[in-house]
């Protein structure tokens, strides 16, 4: 019998953690000095000491779970560079860079693309069309779920499919609070996602229901804390500590919720996944050198 991408027999399934490699950027220059999404309030001061503490705790959490964390140097004048996941997508060691829609973040893409090249990732390429990396491109097994509607140009989805040789499924976002796909959908393992139905256009909601019939349906009480902006290794799910209902849902399905406080970054509309770019295939690349 053919199994649907999201088919899952429930909490009795054996969840398996797989070691990951993550690229992160310290929030040395993190601040809210402009507004390019519904969350940003430049008049609200950022506690830079608290932001650094929360970021360092997240790094420590990943390492405690057995994951590799690499860092890219922050750059003065780029206060959103901490949200490095928006600057690329890496699959099987092949890297696709980003092209930002907003002028405020445009320079971030160049720095990350140079990092890809300097660290031996394969075929690092800048896209022709606006493409905000893992902000809108989420890997679920052999599928790339690709968001559009606010940031990433739908024409970029074909570039992703060609460069990374993956099936790409377009999903249209309709709520400006969930401007990137990774604010409305979280990947739990190669078959399973969690998402907020209200964030998607009706035709995209139909696609999600067909592909992932056993997905976890999140509540807005959790997504208001960017609860779906999570990072999972297949067993352990790192998510905001305030997303209580989602944590319970995950535990009921056999995952291990790992709550962290990442609240200072909400002032910029960013969360845990925003700060975490997965380098798929990076370990294998290093081992082959």
Protein backbone atom coordinates (compact mmCIF):
# COMPACT_ATOMS: atom_id res chain seq x y z
CA UNK A 1 0.00 0.00 0.00
CA UNK A 2 1.33 3.45 -0.87
CA UNK A 3 1.79 5.60 2.20
CA UNK A 4 0.91 9.28 2.21
CA UNK A 5 3.76 11.66 3.04
CA UNK A 6 2.30 12.45 6.42
CA UNK A 7 1.02 9.00 7.36
CA UNK A 8 1.82 8.16 10.95
CA UNK A 9 0.53 5.42 13.19
CA UNK A 10 0.57 7.69 16.24
CA UNK A 11 2.40 7.79 19.54
CA UNK A 12 3.47 4.15 19.42
CA UNK A 13 5.87 4.90 16.54
CA UNK A 14 9.52 4.80 17.56
CA UNK A 15 10.90 8.33 17.22
CA UNK A 16 14.57 8.52 16.33
CA UNK A 17 16.84 11.52 16.84
CA UNK A 18 19.34 12.15 14.06
CA UNK A 19 22.41 14.36 14.67
CA UNK A 20 22.21 17.60 12.71
CA UNK A 21 24.57 20.39 11.69
CA UNK A 22 23.30 23.94 12.20
CA UNK A 23 24.60 27.32 11.13
CA UNK A 24 23.86 30.17 13.55
CA UNK A 25 24.81 33.82 13.91
CA UNK A 26 25.33 35.50 17.32
CA UNK A 27 22.91 38.37 18.02
CA UNK A 28 25.74 40.81 18.68
CA UNK A 29 24.03 43.55 16.68
CA UNK A 30 20.43 42.40 17.09
CA UNK A 31 18.00 45.28 17.37
CA UNK A 32 14.66 46.46 16.01
CA UNK A 33 15.40 49.65 14.08
CA UNK A 34 12.86 49.31 11.25
CA UNK A 35 9.57 47.51 10.63
CA UNK A 36 9.25 44.98 7.81
CA UNK A 37 6.72 42.62 9.37
CA UNK A 38 3.66 42.77 11.63
CA UNK A 39 5.66 41.96 14.77
CA UNK A 40 8.35 44.65 14.63
CA UNK A 41 8.02 47.70 16.86
CA UNK A 42 11.13 49.92 16.66
CA UNK A 43 9.88 51.96 19.60
CA UNK A 44 10.18 48.94 21.91
CA UNK A 45 13.76 48.60 23.20
CA UNK A 46 15.64 45.34 22.84
CA UNK A 47 17.44 43.88 25.83
CA UNK A 48 20.66 42.88 24.07
CA UNK A 49 22.08 41.09 27.11
CA UNK A 50 18.95 38.96 27.45
CA UNK A 51 18.91 38.23 23.70
CA UNK A 52 22.50 36.99 23.83
CA UNK A 53 21.74 34.86 26.89
CA UNK A 54 18.71 33.27 25.22
CA UNK A 55 20.67 32.63 22.02
CA UNK A 56 23.58 31.05 23.91
CA UNK A 57 21.14 28.84 25.79
CA UNK A 58 19.68 27.67 22.46
CA UNK A 59 23.17 26.86 21.17
CA UNK A 60 23.89 24.92 24.35
CA UNK A 61 20.61 23.04 24.02
CA UNK A 62 21.49 21.89 20.50
CA UNK A 63 24.93 20.75 21.58
CA UNK A 64 23.52 18.94 24.59
CA UNK A 65 21.21 17.06 22.22
CA UNK A 66 24.23 15.95 20.18
CA UNK A 67 24.09 18.43 17.32
CA UNK A 68 26.89 20.39 15.68
CA UNK A 69 26.63 24.18 15.77
CA UNK A 70 28.75 26.30 13.45
CA UNK A 71 28.66 30.08 13.52
CA UNK A 72 28.97 32.89 11.03
CA UNK A 73 30.33 36.26 12.16
CA UNK A 74 27.69 38.96 12.67
CA UNK A 75 28.05 42.17 10.72
CA UNK A 76 27.47 45.71 12.06
CA UNK A 77 24.48 47.36 10.48
CA UNK A 78 22.66 44.06 9.88
CA UNK A 79 20.47 43.69 12.99
CA UNK A 80 18.47 40.78 11.55
CA UNK A 81 21.45 38.65 10.57
CA UNK A 82 20.84 36.52 13.67
CA UNK A 83 17.88 35.11 11.69
CA UNK A 84 20.31 33.26 9.45
CA UNK A 85 17.87 30.58 8.32
CA UNK A 86 16.36 33.05 5.85
CA UNK A 87 19.65 33.24 3.95
CA UNK A 88 19.76 29.82 2.35
CA UNK A 89 18.73 26.21 1.91
CA UNK A 90 21.15 23.26 2.01
CA UNK A 91 20.24 19.71 0.91
CA UNK A 92 22.78 16.89 0.41
CA UNK A 93 25.58 19.41 0.79
CA UNK A 94 24.26 21.51 -2.12
CA UNK A 95 23.61 25.15 -1.21
CA UNK A 96 21.14 27.64 -2.61
CA UNK A 97 21.53 31.18 -1.34
CA UNK A 98 18.90 33.84 -0.81
CA UNK A 99 17.63 37.00 -2.43
CA UNK A 100 15.71 39.19 0.01
CA UNK A 101 12.58 41.13 -0.82
CA UNK A 102 13.43 44.00 1.52
CA UNK A 103 16.40 46.32 1.11
CA UNK A 104 17.07 46.26 4.85
CA UNK A 105 18.14 42.60 4.77
CA UNK A 106 19.62 42.35 1.27
CA UNK A 107 23.28 42.33 2.32
CA UNK A 108 22.81 39.34 4.63
CA UNK A 109 22.56 37.00 1.64
CA UNK A 110 26.07 37.84 0.39
CA UNK A 111 27.68 37.08 3.74
CA UNK A 112 26.02 33.68 4.04
CA UNK A 113 26.74 32.76 0.41
CA UNK A 114 30.42 33.52 1.03
CA UNK A 115 30.29 31.30 4.12
CA UNK A 116 28.83 28.47 2.02
CA UNK A 117 31.68 28.83 -0.48
CA UNK A 118 34.40 29.10 2.17
CA UNK A 119 33.18 26.00 3.97
CA UNK A 120 33.03 23.68 1.00
CA UNK A 121 29.31 23.41 0.33
CA UNK A 122 28.55 22.27 -3.20
CA UNK A 123 27.32 24.55 -6.01
CA UNK A 124 26.53 27.59 -3.83
CA UNK A 125 24.27 29.71 -6.02
CA UNK A 126 22.28 32.90 -5.66
CA UNK A 127 18.71 32.62 -6.96
CA UNK A 128 17.35 34.86 -9.70
CA UNK A 129 14.04 35.48 -7.95
CA UNK A 130 13.25 36.58 -4.41
CA UNK A 131 13.85 33.59 -2.17
CA UNK A 132 14.12 33.89 1.61
CA UNK A 133 15.72 30.54 2.30
CA UNK A 134 14.40 28.34 5.09
CA UNK A 135 12.10 31.15 6.06
CA UNK A 136 9.88 29.88 3.25
CA UNK A 137 11.48 26.58 2.21
CA UNK A 138 11.00 23.68 4.61
CA UNK A 139 12.26 20.16 3.90
CA UNK A 140 9.95 17.26 4.76
CA UNK A 141 11.61 14.05 3.60
CA UNK A 142 11.95 14.28 -0.18
CA UNK A 143 9.58 17.25 -0.44
CA UNK A 144 10.32 20.95 -0.10
CA UNK A 145 7.28 22.79 1.19
CA UNK A 146 7.63 26.25 -0.32
CA UNK A 147 5.83 29.30 0.99
CA UNK A 148 4.77 32.34 -0.99
CA UNK A 149 2.40 35.25 -0.57
CA UNK A 150 4.47 37.75 1.39
CA UNK A 151 8.19 37.20 0.82
CA UNK A 152 9.44 34.44 -1.51
CA UNK A 153 8.47 34.81 -5.18
CA UNK A 154 6.56 31.77 -6.44
CA UNK A 155 8.87 31.71 -9.49
CA UNK A 156 11.74 30.89 -7.12
CA UNK A 157 10.12 27.54 -6.36
CA UNK A 158 11.11 26.20 -9.79
CA UNK A 159 14.69 27.32 -9.17
CA UNK A 160 14.70 25.35 -5.93
CA UNK A 161 13.43 22.24 -7.69
CA UNK A 162 16.11 22.46 -10.40
CA UNK A 163 19.07 23.32 -8.18
CA UNK A 164 18.34 20.92 -5.35
CA UNK A 165 16.58 18.19 -7.35
CA UNK A 166 13.57 17.97 -5.09
CA UNK A 167 9.83 18.00 -5.53
CA UNK A 168 8.59 21.43 -4.47
CA UNK A 169 5.06 21.97 -3.16
CA UNK A 170 3.81 25.56 -3.26
CA UNK A 171 1.86 26.82 -0.25
CA UNK A 172 0.26 30.27 -0.19
CA UNK A 173 0.22 32.27 3.05
CA UNK A 174 -2.62 34.73 3.66
CA UNK A 175 -2.14 36.13 7.17
CA UNK A 176 0.57 38.85 7.38
CA UNK A 177 1.39 37.84 10.96
CA UNK A 178 2.68 34.58 9.47
CA UNK A 179 4.77 36.16 6.75
CA UNK A 180 7.21 33.25 6.40
CA UNK A 181 6.23 29.61 6.08
CA UNK A 182 8.31 28.71 9.14
CA UNK A 183 6.01 30.82 11.33
CA UNK A 184 2.96 28.79 10.27
CA UNK A 185 4.41 25.30 9.75
CA UNK A 186 6.95 23.26 11.68
CA UNK A 187 8.70 20.11 10.42
CA UNK A 188 8.82 17.31 13.00
CA UNK A 189 10.39 14.49 10.97
CA UNK A 190 10.56 13.22 7.39
CA UNK A 191 6.81 12.50 7.34
CA UNK A 192 5.18 14.71 9.91
CA UNK A 193 4.46 18.41 10.29
CA UNK A 194 2.51 20.72 12.57
CA UNK A 195 0.73 23.75 11.13
CA UNK A 196 -1.80 26.52 11.65
CA UNK A 197 -4.67 26.12 9.13
CA UNK A 198 -5.78 29.78 9.32
CA UNK A 199 -2.46 30.92 7.88
CA UNK A 200 -3.02 29.24 4.49
CA UNK A 201 -5.12 29.90 1.41
CA UNK A 202 -7.93 27.33 0.90
CA UNK A 203 -6.18 25.57 -2.00
CA UNK A 204 -2.98 25.24 0.01
CA UNK A 205 -4.88 23.93 3.00
CA UNK A 206 -6.30 21.21 0.76
CA UNK A 207 -2.76 20.27 -0.32
CA UNK A 208 -1.57 20.07 3.28
CA UNK A 209 -4.49 17.87 4.29
CA UNK A 210 -3.80 15.51 1.40
CA UNK A 211 -0.04 15.28 1.97
CA UNK A 212 -0.06 15.23 5.77
CA UNK A 213 -3.39 13.82 7.01
CA UNK A 214 -1.92 13.08 10.44
CA UNK A 215 -0.33 16.47 10.98
CA UNK A 216 -0.57 18.18 14.34
CA UNK A 217 -2.94 21.13 14.15
CA UNK A 218 -1.63 24.03 16.20
CA UNK A 219 -3.64 26.60 18.12
CA UNK A 220 -3.12 30.35 17.75
CA UNK A 221 -2.47 30.61 21.47
CA UNK A 222 0.83 28.85 20.65
CA UNK A 223 1.57 30.40 17.27
CA UNK A 224 1.32 33.85 18.83
CA UNK A 225 4.55 32.82 20.59
CA UNK A 226 5.88 31.51 17.26
CA UNK A 227 5.39 28.02 18.60
CA UNK A 228 5.65 26.51 15.11
CA UNK A 229 9.01 28.19 14.57
CA UNK A 230 10.55 25.07 16.05
CA UNK A 231 13.50 22.79 15.37
CA UNK A 232 13.18 19.00 15.53
CA UNK A 233 15.75 16.23 15.16
CA UNK A 234 13.03 13.61 14.70
CA UNK A 235 12.58 13.01 18.42
CA UNK A 236 13.51 16.14 20.38
CA UNK A 237 11.54 19.23 19.45
CA UNK A 238 13.01 22.55 20.56
CA UNK A 239 10.18 25.07 20.83
CA UNK A 240 9.20 28.17 22.81
CA UNK A 241 8.46 27.41 26.44
CA UNK A 242 5.22 29.40 26.20
CA UNK A 243 3.74 27.02 23.56
CA UNK A 244 2.21 24.76 26.23
CA UNK A 245 -0.59 23.14 24.24
CA UNK A 246 1.71 22.33 21.33
CA UNK A 247 4.21 20.77 23.72
CA UNK A 248 1.45 18.53 25.07
CA UNK A 249 0.39 17.58 21.54
CA UNK A 250 3.98 16.66 20.68
CA UNK A 251 4.38 14.54 23.80
CA UNK A 252 1.13 12.72 23.01
CA UNK A 253 2.60 11.80 19.62
CA UNK A 254 5.83 10.40 21.06
CA UNK A 255 8.11 13.43 20.63
CA UNK A 256 10.15 14.95 23.43
CA UNK A 257 9.38 18.68 23.80
CA UNK A 258 12.44 20.75 24.72
CA UNK A 259 11.11 24.16 25.82
CA UNK A 260 13.34 27.22 25.76
CA UNK A 261 12.67 30.89 26.38
CA UNK A 262 13.31 32.84 23.18
CA UNK A 263 10.92 35.69 23.89
CA UNK A 264 13.30 38.61 23.25
CA UNK A 265 13.42 37.75 19.56
CA UNK A 266 9.65 38.02 19.24
CA UNK A 267 10.19 41.79 19.15
CA UNK A 268 11.50 41.28 15.62
CA UNK A 269 9.06 38.55 14.63
CA UNK A 270 11.76 35.89 14.91
CA UNK A 271 12.04 32.61 16.74
CA UNK A 272 14.05 29.45 17.22
CA UNK A 273 13.94 28.16 13.64
CA UNK A 274 14.65 31.67 12.32
CA UNK A 275 18.04 31.46 14.04
CA UNK A 276 18.84 27.93 12.90
CA UNK A 277 19.87 27.04 9.33
CA UNK A 278 20.24 23.30 8.87
CA UNK A 279 23.26 22.18 6.85
CA UNK A 280 21.97 18.91 5.43
CA UNK A 281 24.82 16.72 4.23
CA UNK A 282 27.53 18.88 5.79
CA UNK A 283 28.88 16.09 7.99
CA UNK A 284 29.13 13.78 5.00
CA UNK A 285 30.95 16.43 3.01
CA UNK A 286 33.52 16.86 5.78
CA UNK A 287 33.98 13.11 6.12
CA UNK A 288 34.66 12.74 2.38
CA UNK A 289 37.48 15.31 2.30
